[in-house]
N, C-alpha and C. Protein backbone atom coordinates (compact mmCIF):
# COMPACT_ATOMS: atom_id res chain seq x y z
N MET A 1 15.45 52.86 -2.07
CA MET A 1 15.41 52.37 -0.71
C MET A 1 15.05 53.47 0.27
N SER A 2 15.42 54.68 -0.01
CA SER A 2 15.17 55.75 0.95
C SER A 2 13.73 56.23 0.86
N ILE A 3 13.25 56.80 1.95
CA ILE A 3 11.92 57.39 1.94
C ILE A 3 11.92 58.61 1.04
N PHE A 4 13.04 59.27 0.93
CA PHE A 4 13.14 60.47 0.12
C PHE A 4 14.15 60.24 -1.00
N THR A 5 13.70 60.33 -2.23
CA THR A 5 14.58 60.15 -3.37
C THR A 5 14.79 61.50 -4.03
N THR A 6 16.04 61.82 -4.37
CA THR A 6 16.31 63.05 -5.06
C THR A 6 15.76 62.96 -6.47
N ALA A 7 14.95 63.92 -6.87
CA ALA A 7 14.23 63.82 -8.14
C ALA A 7 14.36 65.09 -8.95
N ILE A 8 15.60 65.51 -9.19
CA ILE A 8 15.81 66.67 -10.02
C ILE A 8 16.44 66.24 -11.32
N SER A 9 16.45 67.13 -12.29
CA SER A 9 17.00 66.81 -13.60
C SER A 9 18.24 67.64 -13.85
N ASP A 10 19.21 67.04 -14.58
CA ASP A 10 20.39 67.80 -14.96
C ASP A 10 20.30 68.25 -16.41
N SER A 11 19.07 68.33 -16.89
CA SER A 11 18.82 68.74 -18.26
C SER A 11 19.33 70.16 -18.49
N THR A 12 19.80 70.43 -19.70
CA THR A 12 20.28 71.77 -20.04
C THR A 12 19.35 72.44 -21.05
N SER A 13 18.10 72.00 -21.07
CA SER A 13 17.14 72.56 -22.01
C SER A 13 16.99 74.06 -21.80
N THR A 14 16.80 74.79 -22.89
CA THR A 14 16.63 76.25 -22.80
C THR A 14 15.27 76.66 -23.34
N ASP A 15 14.30 75.79 -23.18
CA ASP A 15 12.94 76.08 -23.64
C ASP A 15 12.50 77.42 -23.07
N SER A 16 12.16 78.37 -23.96
CA SER A 16 11.80 79.71 -23.52
C SER A 16 10.50 79.75 -22.74
N SER A 17 9.71 78.67 -22.82
CA SER A 17 8.44 78.66 -22.10
C SER A 17 8.63 78.33 -20.63
N ARG A 18 9.85 77.93 -20.26
CA ARG A 18 10.12 77.59 -18.87
C ARG A 18 10.55 78.82 -18.09
N PRO A 19 10.15 78.89 -16.79
CA PRO A 19 10.58 80.03 -15.98
C PRO A 19 12.08 80.00 -15.76
N ARG A 20 12.73 81.13 -15.96
CA ARG A 20 14.17 81.20 -15.79
C ARG A 20 14.53 81.19 -14.30
N ALA A 21 15.65 80.53 -13.95
CA ALA A 21 16.05 80.44 -12.56
C ALA A 21 16.90 81.63 -12.12
N LEU A 22 17.20 82.55 -13.06
CA LEU A 22 18.04 83.69 -12.69
C LEU A 22 17.40 84.49 -11.56
N GLY A 23 16.07 84.56 -11.57
CA GLY A 23 15.37 85.30 -10.53
C GLY A 23 14.86 84.40 -9.43
N THR A 24 15.24 83.12 -9.45
CA THR A 24 14.78 82.18 -8.44
C THR A 24 15.44 82.48 -7.10
N THR A 25 14.65 82.45 -6.07
CA THR A 25 15.16 82.62 -4.71
C THR A 25 14.88 81.34 -3.92
N VAL A 26 15.74 81.08 -2.96
CA VAL A 26 15.58 79.93 -2.10
C VAL A 26 15.49 80.42 -0.66
N ARG A 27 14.54 79.92 0.07
CA ARG A 27 14.34 80.34 1.46
C ARG A 27 13.90 79.14 2.28
N ARG A 28 13.94 79.30 3.60
CA ARG A 28 13.45 78.26 4.49
C ARG A 28 11.94 78.14 4.34
N ALA A 29 11.46 76.92 4.39
CA ALA A 29 10.02 76.69 4.26
C ALA A 29 9.29 77.13 5.52
N ARG A 30 8.06 77.58 5.31
CA ARG A 30 7.16 77.89 6.41
C ARG A 30 6.00 76.91 6.38
N LEU A 31 5.24 76.88 7.45
CA LEU A 31 4.13 75.93 7.52
C LEU A 31 3.15 76.12 6.37
N GLN A 32 3.01 77.36 5.91
CA GLN A 32 2.10 77.63 4.79
C GLN A 32 2.57 76.96 3.49
N ASP A 33 3.85 76.57 3.42
CA ASP A 33 4.38 75.91 2.23
C ASP A 33 4.11 74.41 2.22
N ALA A 34 3.59 73.88 3.32
CA ALA A 34 3.43 72.43 3.44
C ALA A 34 2.53 71.85 2.36
N VAL A 35 1.49 72.57 1.98
CA VAL A 35 0.58 72.06 0.95
C VAL A 35 1.31 71.89 -0.37
N ASN A 36 2.07 72.90 -0.77
CA ASN A 36 2.82 72.81 -2.03
C ASN A 36 3.85 71.68 -1.99
N ILE A 37 4.54 71.54 -0.87
CA ILE A 37 5.52 70.46 -0.73
C ILE A 37 4.83 69.11 -0.82
N PHE A 38 3.72 68.98 -0.11
CA PHE A 38 2.94 67.73 -0.11
C PHE A 38 2.51 67.35 -1.53
N GLU A 39 1.95 68.31 -2.26
CA GLU A 39 1.46 68.02 -3.60
C GLU A 39 2.59 67.67 -4.57
N LEU A 40 3.73 68.38 -4.46
CA LEU A 40 4.83 68.13 -5.39
C LEU A 40 5.49 66.78 -5.10
N VAL A 41 5.77 66.49 -3.84
CA VAL A 41 6.40 65.22 -3.50
C VAL A 41 5.51 64.05 -3.90
N ASN A 42 4.23 64.15 -3.61
CA ASN A 42 3.34 63.03 -3.91
C ASN A 42 2.98 62.92 -5.38
N SER A 43 3.23 63.98 -6.15
CA SER A 43 3.00 63.87 -7.59
C SER A 43 3.96 62.90 -8.24
N LEU A 44 5.07 62.58 -7.55
CA LEU A 44 6.07 61.66 -8.09
C LEU A 44 6.01 60.29 -7.41
N SER A 45 4.95 60.05 -6.63
CA SER A 45 4.85 58.78 -5.92
C SER A 45 4.24 57.68 -6.79
N GLY A 46 3.52 58.08 -7.83
CA GLY A 46 2.83 57.10 -8.66
C GLY A 46 3.78 56.15 -9.38
N ASP A 47 4.92 56.67 -9.84
CA ASP A 47 5.87 55.83 -10.57
C ASP A 47 6.99 55.30 -9.69
N GLY A 48 6.88 55.52 -8.38
CA GLY A 48 7.88 55.01 -7.46
C GLY A 48 9.10 55.89 -7.28
N THR A 49 9.13 57.06 -7.94
CA THR A 49 10.27 57.95 -7.78
C THR A 49 10.40 58.39 -6.32
N LEU A 50 9.27 58.72 -5.71
CA LEU A 50 9.24 59.05 -4.28
C LEU A 50 8.17 58.21 -3.62
N LEU A 51 8.36 57.91 -2.35
CA LEU A 51 7.33 57.23 -1.59
C LEU A 51 6.32 58.26 -1.08
N ARG A 52 5.07 57.87 -1.10
CA ARG A 52 4.02 58.80 -0.71
C ARG A 52 4.15 59.19 0.75
N ARG A 53 3.91 60.47 1.03
CA ARG A 53 3.98 60.99 2.39
C ARG A 53 2.68 61.69 2.72
N ASN A 54 2.24 61.56 3.97
CA ASN A 54 0.99 62.22 4.33
C ASN A 54 1.25 63.67 4.74
N TYR A 55 0.19 64.43 4.73
CA TYR A 55 0.29 65.86 4.98
C TYR A 55 0.80 66.15 6.39
N ALA A 56 0.36 65.36 7.37
CA ALA A 56 0.80 65.58 8.75
C ALA A 56 2.31 65.41 8.87
N GLU A 57 2.87 64.44 8.15
CA GLU A 57 4.31 64.22 8.21
C GLU A 57 5.08 65.40 7.61
N ILE A 58 4.54 65.96 6.52
CA ILE A 58 5.16 67.14 5.92
C ILE A 58 5.15 68.30 6.92
N CYS A 59 4.03 68.51 7.59
CA CYS A 59 3.93 69.60 8.56
C CYS A 59 4.92 69.40 9.70
N GLU A 60 5.05 68.17 10.19
CA GLU A 60 5.96 67.90 11.30
C GLU A 60 7.41 68.21 10.93
N ASN A 61 7.75 68.00 9.66
CA ASN A 61 9.14 68.14 9.22
C ASN A 61 9.38 69.37 8.35
N VAL A 62 8.43 70.31 8.33
CA VAL A 62 8.54 71.44 7.41
C VAL A 62 9.78 72.28 7.69
N ARG A 63 10.27 72.28 8.93
CA ARG A 63 11.47 73.07 9.24
C ARG A 63 12.74 72.45 8.66
N ASP A 64 12.65 71.23 8.15
CA ASP A 64 13.79 70.62 7.45
C ASP A 64 13.91 71.14 6.02
N PHE A 65 12.86 71.77 5.50
CA PHE A 65 12.77 72.10 4.09
C PHE A 65 13.22 73.51 3.75
N HIS A 66 13.75 73.64 2.54
CA HIS A 66 13.89 74.92 1.85
C HIS A 66 13.02 74.84 0.60
N ILE A 67 12.56 75.97 0.13
CA ILE A 67 11.79 75.97 -1.11
C ILE A 67 12.40 76.98 -2.09
N ALA A 68 12.21 76.71 -3.37
CA ALA A 68 12.61 77.64 -4.44
C ALA A 68 11.35 78.25 -5.01
N GLU A 69 11.41 79.54 -5.28
CA GLU A 69 10.26 80.21 -5.87
C GLU A 69 10.73 81.27 -6.85
N SER A 70 9.85 81.63 -7.78
CA SER A 70 10.18 82.61 -8.80
C SER A 70 10.12 84.02 -8.22
N GLU A 71 10.51 85.00 -9.06
CA GLU A 71 10.45 86.40 -8.61
C GLU A 71 9.03 86.79 -8.24
N ALA A 72 8.05 86.13 -8.89
CA ALA A 72 6.65 86.44 -8.61
C ALA A 72 6.11 85.65 -7.42
N GLY A 73 6.97 84.86 -6.77
CA GLY A 73 6.53 84.09 -5.61
C GLY A 73 5.90 82.77 -5.95
N VAL A 74 6.08 82.29 -7.19
CA VAL A 74 5.51 81.01 -7.60
C VAL A 74 6.40 79.87 -7.10
N PHE A 75 5.81 78.90 -6.47
CA PHE A 75 6.52 77.75 -5.92
C PHE A 75 7.10 76.90 -7.06
N LEU A 76 8.42 76.64 -7.01
CA LEU A 76 9.09 75.89 -8.08
C LEU A 76 9.62 74.54 -7.62
N GLY A 77 9.95 74.41 -6.35
CA GLY A 77 10.51 73.14 -5.89
C GLY A 77 10.89 73.20 -4.43
N CYS A 78 11.39 72.08 -3.93
CA CYS A 78 11.73 72.00 -2.51
C CYS A 78 12.88 71.02 -2.30
N GLY A 79 13.46 71.08 -1.12
CA GLY A 79 14.50 70.15 -0.72
C GLY A 79 14.62 70.19 0.79
N ALA A 80 15.06 69.09 1.38
CA ALA A 80 15.14 69.01 2.84
C ALA A 80 16.51 68.52 3.28
N LEU A 81 16.90 68.92 4.47
CA LEU A 81 18.13 68.44 5.09
C LEU A 81 17.77 67.83 6.44
N HIS A 82 18.02 66.53 6.57
CA HIS A 82 17.75 65.84 7.83
C HIS A 82 19.06 65.69 8.59
N LEU A 83 19.08 66.12 9.85
CA LEU A 83 20.28 66.06 10.68
C LEU A 83 20.25 64.82 11.56
N TYR A 84 21.27 63.99 11.44
CA TYR A 84 21.44 62.87 12.37
C TYR A 84 22.29 63.28 13.56
N GLY A 85 23.21 64.19 13.32
CA GLY A 85 24.12 64.67 14.35
C GLY A 85 25.28 65.37 13.68
N PRO A 86 26.27 65.83 14.43
CA PRO A 86 27.42 66.52 13.82
C PRO A 86 28.17 65.65 12.81
N HIS A 87 28.00 64.33 12.92
CA HIS A 87 28.73 63.42 12.05
C HIS A 87 28.05 63.20 10.70
N LEU A 88 26.74 63.50 10.59
CA LEU A 88 26.03 63.13 9.37
C LEU A 88 24.72 63.90 9.21
N ALA A 89 24.48 64.33 7.97
CA ALA A 89 23.18 64.87 7.57
C ALA A 89 22.81 64.23 6.24
N GLU A 90 21.54 64.32 5.89
CA GLU A 90 21.09 63.72 4.63
C GLU A 90 20.24 64.72 3.84
N VAL A 91 20.58 64.89 2.58
CA VAL A 91 19.76 65.69 1.66
C VAL A 91 18.61 64.81 1.19
N ARG A 92 17.40 65.32 1.31
CA ARG A 92 16.21 64.56 0.93
C ARG A 92 15.28 65.42 0.09
N SER A 93 14.44 64.73 -0.66
CA SER A 93 13.30 65.35 -1.34
C SER A 93 13.64 66.59 -2.15
N ILE A 94 14.77 66.60 -2.86
CA ILE A 94 15.00 67.70 -3.80
C ILE A 94 14.14 67.42 -5.02
N VAL A 95 13.09 68.18 -5.16
CA VAL A 95 12.13 67.99 -6.25
C VAL A 95 11.87 69.34 -6.90
N VAL A 96 11.91 69.37 -8.21
CA VAL A 96 11.64 70.60 -8.96
C VAL A 96 10.49 70.34 -9.93
N LYS A 97 9.59 71.28 -10.03
CA LYS A 97 8.47 71.13 -10.96
C LYS A 97 8.98 70.91 -12.38
N PRO A 98 8.29 70.11 -13.17
CA PRO A 98 8.75 69.83 -14.54
C PRO A 98 9.05 71.07 -15.36
N GLU A 99 8.22 72.11 -15.23
CA GLU A 99 8.42 73.31 -16.03
C GLU A 99 9.62 74.13 -15.58
N ALA A 100 10.19 73.80 -14.41
CA ALA A 100 11.35 74.55 -13.90
C ALA A 100 12.65 73.77 -14.02
N LYS A 101 12.60 72.53 -14.50
CA LYS A 101 13.81 71.71 -14.60
C LYS A 101 14.75 72.25 -15.67
N GLY A 102 16.04 72.06 -15.42
CA GLY A 102 17.05 72.50 -16.36
C GLY A 102 17.36 73.98 -16.28
N GLN A 103 16.79 74.66 -15.29
CA GLN A 103 16.98 76.11 -15.18
C GLN A 103 17.78 76.50 -13.94
N GLY A 104 18.28 75.53 -13.19
CA GLY A 104 19.15 75.83 -12.07
C GLY A 104 18.51 75.87 -10.70
N ALA A 105 17.19 75.69 -10.63
CA ALA A 105 16.52 75.75 -9.33
C ALA A 105 17.00 74.63 -8.41
N GLY A 106 17.19 73.42 -8.99
CA GLY A 106 17.65 72.31 -8.17
C GLY A 106 19.03 72.56 -7.59
N GLY A 107 19.92 73.13 -8.39
CA GLY A 107 21.26 73.44 -7.91
C GLY A 107 21.23 74.47 -6.79
N LYS A 108 20.37 75.46 -6.92
CA LYS A 108 20.27 76.48 -5.86
C LYS A 108 19.75 75.88 -4.57
N LEU A 109 18.79 74.98 -4.68
CA LEU A 109 18.28 74.30 -3.49
C LEU A 109 19.38 73.49 -2.81
N LEU A 110 20.12 72.74 -3.62
CA LEU A 110 21.18 71.91 -3.06
C LEU A 110 22.24 72.77 -2.37
N LYS A 111 22.63 73.87 -2.98
CA LYS A 111 23.63 74.74 -2.37
C LYS A 111 23.14 75.30 -1.05
N ALA A 112 21.86 75.64 -0.97
CA ALA A 112 21.30 76.16 0.28
C ALA A 112 21.34 75.10 1.37
N LEU A 113 21.05 73.85 1.01
CA LEU A 113 21.08 72.78 2.00
C LEU A 113 22.50 72.48 2.46
N LEU A 114 23.46 72.54 1.53
CA LEU A 114 24.86 72.32 1.90
C LEU A 114 25.37 73.44 2.80
N THR A 115 24.93 74.66 2.53
CA THR A 115 25.30 75.79 3.39
C THR A 115 24.76 75.60 4.79
N GLU A 116 23.53 75.11 4.88
CA GLU A 116 22.94 74.86 6.20
C GLU A 116 23.74 73.79 6.94
N ALA A 117 24.13 72.73 6.22
CA ALA A 117 24.92 71.67 6.85
C ALA A 117 26.24 72.23 7.38
N GLU A 118 26.87 73.10 6.60
CA GLU A 118 28.13 73.72 7.06
C GLU A 118 27.89 74.60 8.28
N ASP A 119 26.80 75.36 8.26
CA ASP A 119 26.48 76.22 9.41
C ASP A 119 26.26 75.39 10.67
N GLN A 120 25.73 74.19 10.50
CA GLN A 120 25.47 73.31 11.63
C GLN A 120 26.71 72.53 12.06
N GLY A 121 27.80 72.68 11.30
CA GLY A 121 29.03 71.98 11.64
C GLY A 121 29.01 70.50 11.31
N VAL A 122 28.19 70.10 10.34
CA VAL A 122 28.08 68.69 9.97
C VAL A 122 29.30 68.27 9.14
N VAL A 123 29.87 67.13 9.47
CA VAL A 123 31.08 66.66 8.81
C VAL A 123 30.79 66.01 7.46
N CYS A 124 29.74 65.20 7.38
CA CYS A 124 29.43 64.43 6.17
C CYS A 124 27.98 64.64 5.78
N VAL A 125 27.74 64.89 4.49
CA VAL A 125 26.38 65.01 3.95
C VAL A 125 26.16 63.84 3.00
N SER A 126 25.05 63.16 3.14
CA SER A 126 24.75 61.99 2.32
C SER A 126 23.46 62.22 1.54
N LEU A 127 23.23 61.37 0.55
CA LEU A 127 21.97 61.36 -0.18
C LEU A 127 21.88 60.05 -0.95
N PHE A 128 20.66 59.72 -1.34
CA PHE A 128 20.40 58.56 -2.19
C PHE A 128 19.71 59.08 -3.45
N THR A 129 20.18 58.68 -4.62
CA THR A 129 19.67 59.26 -5.85
C THR A 129 19.73 58.28 -7.02
N ARG A 130 18.97 58.59 -8.06
CA ARG A 130 19.05 57.84 -9.32
C ARG A 130 19.81 58.63 -10.38
N ILE A 131 20.23 59.84 -10.06
CA ILE A 131 20.97 60.67 -11.03
C ILE A 131 22.29 61.13 -10.42
N PRO A 132 23.20 60.21 -10.15
CA PRO A 132 24.45 60.58 -9.48
C PRO A 132 25.29 61.58 -10.25
N ASP A 133 25.21 61.60 -11.58
CA ASP A 133 26.04 62.52 -12.36
C ASP A 133 25.82 63.98 -11.95
N PHE A 134 24.59 64.33 -11.62
CA PHE A 134 24.30 65.70 -11.21
C PHE A 134 25.09 66.09 -9.97
N PHE A 135 25.19 65.16 -9.01
CA PHE A 135 25.78 65.47 -7.71
C PHE A 135 27.29 65.41 -7.71
N PHE A 136 27.88 64.76 -8.71
CA PHE A 136 29.34 64.80 -8.82
C PHE A 136 29.84 66.24 -8.93
N HIS A 137 29.05 67.10 -9.57
CA HIS A 137 29.45 68.50 -9.77
C HIS A 137 29.49 69.27 -8.45
N PHE A 138 28.87 68.72 -7.41
CA PHE A 138 28.80 69.41 -6.12
C PHE A 138 29.69 68.73 -5.07
N GLY A 139 30.62 67.90 -5.54
CA GLY A 139 31.58 67.30 -4.62
C GLY A 139 31.15 66.00 -3.98
N PHE A 140 30.05 65.42 -4.42
CA PHE A 140 29.61 64.14 -3.88
C PHE A 140 30.33 63.00 -4.59
N ARG A 141 30.46 61.88 -3.90
CA ARG A 141 31.04 60.67 -4.48
C ARG A 141 30.18 59.48 -4.06
N THR A 142 30.23 58.41 -4.81
CA THR A 142 29.44 57.23 -4.48
C THR A 142 30.09 56.48 -3.31
N THR A 143 29.25 55.75 -2.59
CA THR A 143 29.72 54.96 -1.46
C THR A 143 28.83 53.76 -1.29
N ASP A 144 29.26 52.81 -0.51
CA ASP A 144 28.43 51.66 -0.17
C ASP A 144 27.44 52.10 0.90
N ARG A 145 26.19 51.72 0.73
CA ARG A 145 25.16 52.16 1.68
C ARG A 145 25.42 51.66 3.10
N THR A 146 26.18 50.57 3.24
CA THR A 146 26.45 50.05 4.57
C THR A 146 27.38 50.95 5.38
N THR A 147 27.97 51.96 4.74
CA THR A 147 28.80 52.92 5.48
C THR A 147 27.95 53.98 6.17
N LEU A 148 26.62 53.89 6.01
CA LEU A 148 25.70 54.87 6.59
C LEU A 148 24.68 54.15 7.48
N PRO A 149 25.12 53.56 8.59
CA PRO A 149 24.20 52.79 9.43
C PRO A 149 23.05 53.58 9.99
N ASP A 150 23.23 54.87 10.26
CA ASP A 150 22.10 55.67 10.73
C ASP A 150 20.97 55.68 9.71
N LYS A 151 21.32 55.87 8.45
CA LYS A 151 20.33 55.88 7.37
C LYS A 151 19.66 54.51 7.24
N ILE A 152 20.47 53.46 7.31
CA ILE A 152 19.93 52.11 7.18
C ILE A 152 18.93 51.82 8.29
N TYR A 153 19.30 52.17 9.51
CA TYR A 153 18.42 51.88 10.64
C TYR A 153 17.15 52.71 10.60
N LYS A 154 17.27 53.98 10.21
CA LYS A 154 16.10 54.86 10.24
C LYS A 154 15.11 54.57 9.12
N ASP A 155 15.61 54.38 7.89
CA ASP A 155 14.73 54.29 6.74
C ASP A 155 14.80 52.97 5.99
N CYS A 156 16.00 52.53 5.67
CA CYS A 156 16.14 51.43 4.72
C CYS A 156 15.53 50.13 5.19
N GLN A 157 15.71 49.81 6.48
CA GLN A 157 15.22 48.53 6.97
C GLN A 157 13.70 48.44 6.94
N LEU A 158 13.03 49.59 6.87
CA LEU A 158 11.57 49.60 6.84
C LEU A 158 11.01 49.91 5.46
N CYS A 159 11.88 50.14 4.49
CA CYS A 159 11.46 50.56 3.16
C CYS A 159 10.92 49.37 2.36
N PRO A 160 9.77 49.53 1.66
CA PRO A 160 9.24 48.43 0.85
C PRO A 160 10.13 48.05 -0.32
N ARG A 161 11.08 48.94 -0.67
CA ARG A 161 12.00 48.62 -1.77
C ARG A 161 13.35 48.13 -1.25
N LEU A 162 13.37 47.62 -0.02
CA LEU A 162 14.62 47.21 0.60
C LEU A 162 15.43 46.26 -0.28
N TYR A 163 14.77 45.30 -0.91
CA TYR A 163 15.48 44.31 -1.71
C TYR A 163 15.38 44.58 -3.20
N ALA A 164 14.91 45.76 -3.56
CA ALA A 164 14.83 46.12 -4.98
C ALA A 164 15.21 47.58 -5.17
N CYS A 165 16.17 48.04 -4.38
CA CYS A 165 16.57 49.45 -4.42
C CYS A 165 17.44 49.72 -5.64
N ASP A 166 17.12 50.78 -6.37
CA ASP A 166 17.92 51.15 -7.54
C ASP A 166 18.59 52.51 -7.35
N GLU A 167 18.69 52.95 -6.10
CA GLU A 167 19.31 54.24 -5.82
C GLU A 167 20.79 54.09 -5.51
N VAL A 168 21.53 55.15 -5.78
CA VAL A 168 22.97 55.19 -5.51
C VAL A 168 23.20 56.01 -4.25
N ALA A 169 23.95 55.45 -3.31
CA ALA A 169 24.32 56.18 -2.10
C ALA A 169 25.52 57.07 -2.41
N MET A 170 25.45 58.33 -1.97
CA MET A 170 26.52 59.28 -2.22
C MET A 170 26.81 60.07 -0.95
N VAL A 171 28.05 60.52 -0.80
CA VAL A 171 28.43 61.32 0.36
C VAL A 171 29.33 62.46 -0.08
N ARG A 172 29.37 63.48 0.74
CA ARG A 172 30.26 64.63 0.56
C ARG A 172 30.95 64.86 1.89
N GLY A 173 32.26 64.69 1.93
CA GLY A 173 32.99 64.78 3.17
C GLY A 173 33.40 63.41 3.66
N PRO A 174 34.14 63.34 4.77
CA PRO A 174 34.61 62.06 5.30
C PRO A 174 33.46 61.21 5.82
N LEU A 175 33.56 59.91 5.60
CA LEU A 175 32.53 59.00 6.09
C LEU A 175 32.44 59.06 7.61
N PRO A 176 31.23 59.00 8.15
CA PRO A 176 31.08 59.03 9.61
C PRO A 176 31.68 57.78 10.24
N ARG A 177 32.26 57.96 11.41
CA ARG A 177 32.84 56.83 12.15
C ARG A 177 32.10 56.60 13.45
N MET A 178 30.86 57.05 13.49
CA MET A 178 30.00 56.79 14.63
C MET A 178 28.56 56.77 14.15
N ALA A 179 27.68 56.27 14.98
CA ALA A 179 26.26 56.23 14.67
C ALA A 179 25.48 56.55 15.93
N VAL A 180 24.37 57.23 15.76
CA VAL A 180 23.54 57.57 16.91
C VAL A 180 22.27 56.75 16.96
N LEU A 181 21.93 56.08 15.86
CA LEU A 181 20.77 55.20 15.83
C LEU A 181 21.25 53.76 15.81
N GLY A 182 20.46 52.88 16.34
CA GLY A 182 20.88 51.49 16.34
C GLY A 182 20.04 50.68 17.31
N PRO A 183 20.34 49.40 17.43
CA PRO A 183 21.50 48.78 16.78
C PRO A 183 21.27 48.58 15.29
N SER A 184 22.32 48.73 14.51
CA SER A 184 22.23 48.49 13.08
C SER A 184 22.34 47.01 12.80
N ARG A 185 21.62 46.55 11.79
CA ARG A 185 21.71 45.15 11.40
C ARG A 185 22.93 44.91 10.50
N ILE A 186 23.60 45.98 10.14
CA ILE A 186 24.81 45.87 9.34
C ILE A 186 26.01 45.97 10.26
N ALA A 187 26.81 44.94 10.30
CA ALA A 187 27.98 44.94 11.18
C ALA A 187 29.00 45.97 10.71
N GLN A 188 29.39 46.86 11.60
CA GLN A 188 30.39 47.88 11.29
C GLN A 188 31.38 47.94 12.44
N PRO A 189 32.31 46.98 12.52
CA PRO A 189 33.21 46.93 13.68
C PRO A 189 34.12 48.13 13.81
N GLU A 190 34.33 48.88 12.70
CA GLU A 190 35.24 50.01 12.78
C GLU A 190 34.57 51.25 13.35
N LEU A 191 33.25 51.22 13.52
CA LEU A 191 32.54 52.39 14.03
C LEU A 191 32.84 52.58 15.52
N VAL A 192 32.86 53.83 15.92
CA VAL A 192 33.01 54.14 17.33
C VAL A 192 31.74 53.74 18.06
N LYS A 193 31.86 52.94 19.09
CA LYS A 193 30.70 52.51 19.85
C LYS A 193 30.28 53.60 20.84
N LEU A 194 28.99 53.88 20.89
CA LEU A 194 28.49 54.90 21.80
C LEU A 194 28.39 54.33 23.21
N GLN A 195 28.59 55.18 24.20
CA GLN A 195 28.44 54.77 25.58
C GLN A 195 26.97 54.51 25.87
N THR A 196 26.71 53.48 26.64
CA THR A 196 25.34 53.18 27.03
C THR A 196 25.27 53.11 28.55
N GLY A 197 24.08 53.25 29.09
CA GLY A 197 23.91 53.17 30.53
C GLY A 197 23.16 54.38 31.04
N THR A 198 23.02 54.47 32.34
CA THR A 198 22.28 55.56 32.95
C THR A 198 23.23 56.59 33.53
N ILE A 199 22.76 57.81 33.61
CA ILE A 199 23.54 58.90 34.20
C ILE A 199 23.18 59.01 35.67
N PRO A 200 24.14 58.85 36.57
CA PRO A 200 23.82 58.92 38.01
C PRO A 200 23.40 60.33 38.40
N LEU A 201 22.46 60.41 39.32
CA LEU A 201 22.00 61.70 39.82
C LEU A 201 23.00 62.22 40.84
N LEU A 202 23.40 63.49 40.66
CA LEU A 202 24.34 64.10 41.60
C LEU A 202 23.67 64.42 42.92
N HIS A 203 22.41 64.80 42.86
CA HIS A 203 21.66 65.16 44.06
C HIS A 203 20.35 64.40 44.04
N PRO A 204 20.30 63.19 44.56
CA PRO A 204 19.07 62.39 44.52
C PRO A 204 17.90 63.12 45.15
N THR A 205 16.78 62.97 44.49
CA THR A 205 15.55 63.54 45.04
C THR A 205 15.03 62.61 46.11
N PRO A 206 14.07 63.08 46.94
CA PRO A 206 13.51 62.19 47.99
C PRO A 206 12.97 60.89 47.43
N GLU A 207 12.45 60.92 46.19
CA GLU A 207 11.85 59.72 45.60
C GLU A 207 12.92 58.69 45.25
N THR A 208 14.20 59.16 45.02
CA THR A 208 15.25 58.24 44.58
C THR A 208 16.19 57.83 45.68
N LYS A 209 16.07 58.43 46.88
CA LYS A 209 16.96 58.07 47.98
C LYS A 209 16.66 56.68 48.49
N GLN A 210 17.74 55.98 48.82
CA GLN A 210 17.60 54.64 49.37
C GLN A 210 17.38 54.74 50.88
N ASP A 211 16.57 53.83 51.43
CA ASP A 211 16.37 53.79 52.88
C ASP A 211 17.60 53.21 53.57
């Protein structure tokens, strides 16, 4: 259902032909990394693992991404953290190249994104995945997707897999009790309702003064 599906493996293969993650480093993505992110994410769009994204969209959101690379600077994978607000963030697009799976690069990416969420003071981190067992090791638990109205309003309601979603919703931390996007089509009476209306001007400009 999500635009971004977590696509890493929890394989423990020790194939010697694979690059070891011991020397893997994770850093914030730069605009120059957009091509690699674009190619890797879209390489998994053919089988429906990820929805295809255009290059311009990757460039617009490149500051959401971290990338993993080898000691030699070879691009191994990427992951993104989308911030809804202090109440919620979402891990997206954790993708590792096939030759780097099972070597720990995905775990390093996830830890970097969780650290960023903590630095930002985010209370709850969410994700949608087909491999929930991997994320249990990082403190995530399954939840009903309707507990994440921001996610539903932003992505799910427009997703072509809305009625055929096979992803598991997971969260780390207390469930959010507010939403900043809406209105949600999912009724959540227990959520804190946001204030609506206009902010009065303390010092009206000539254009706003009444005669």
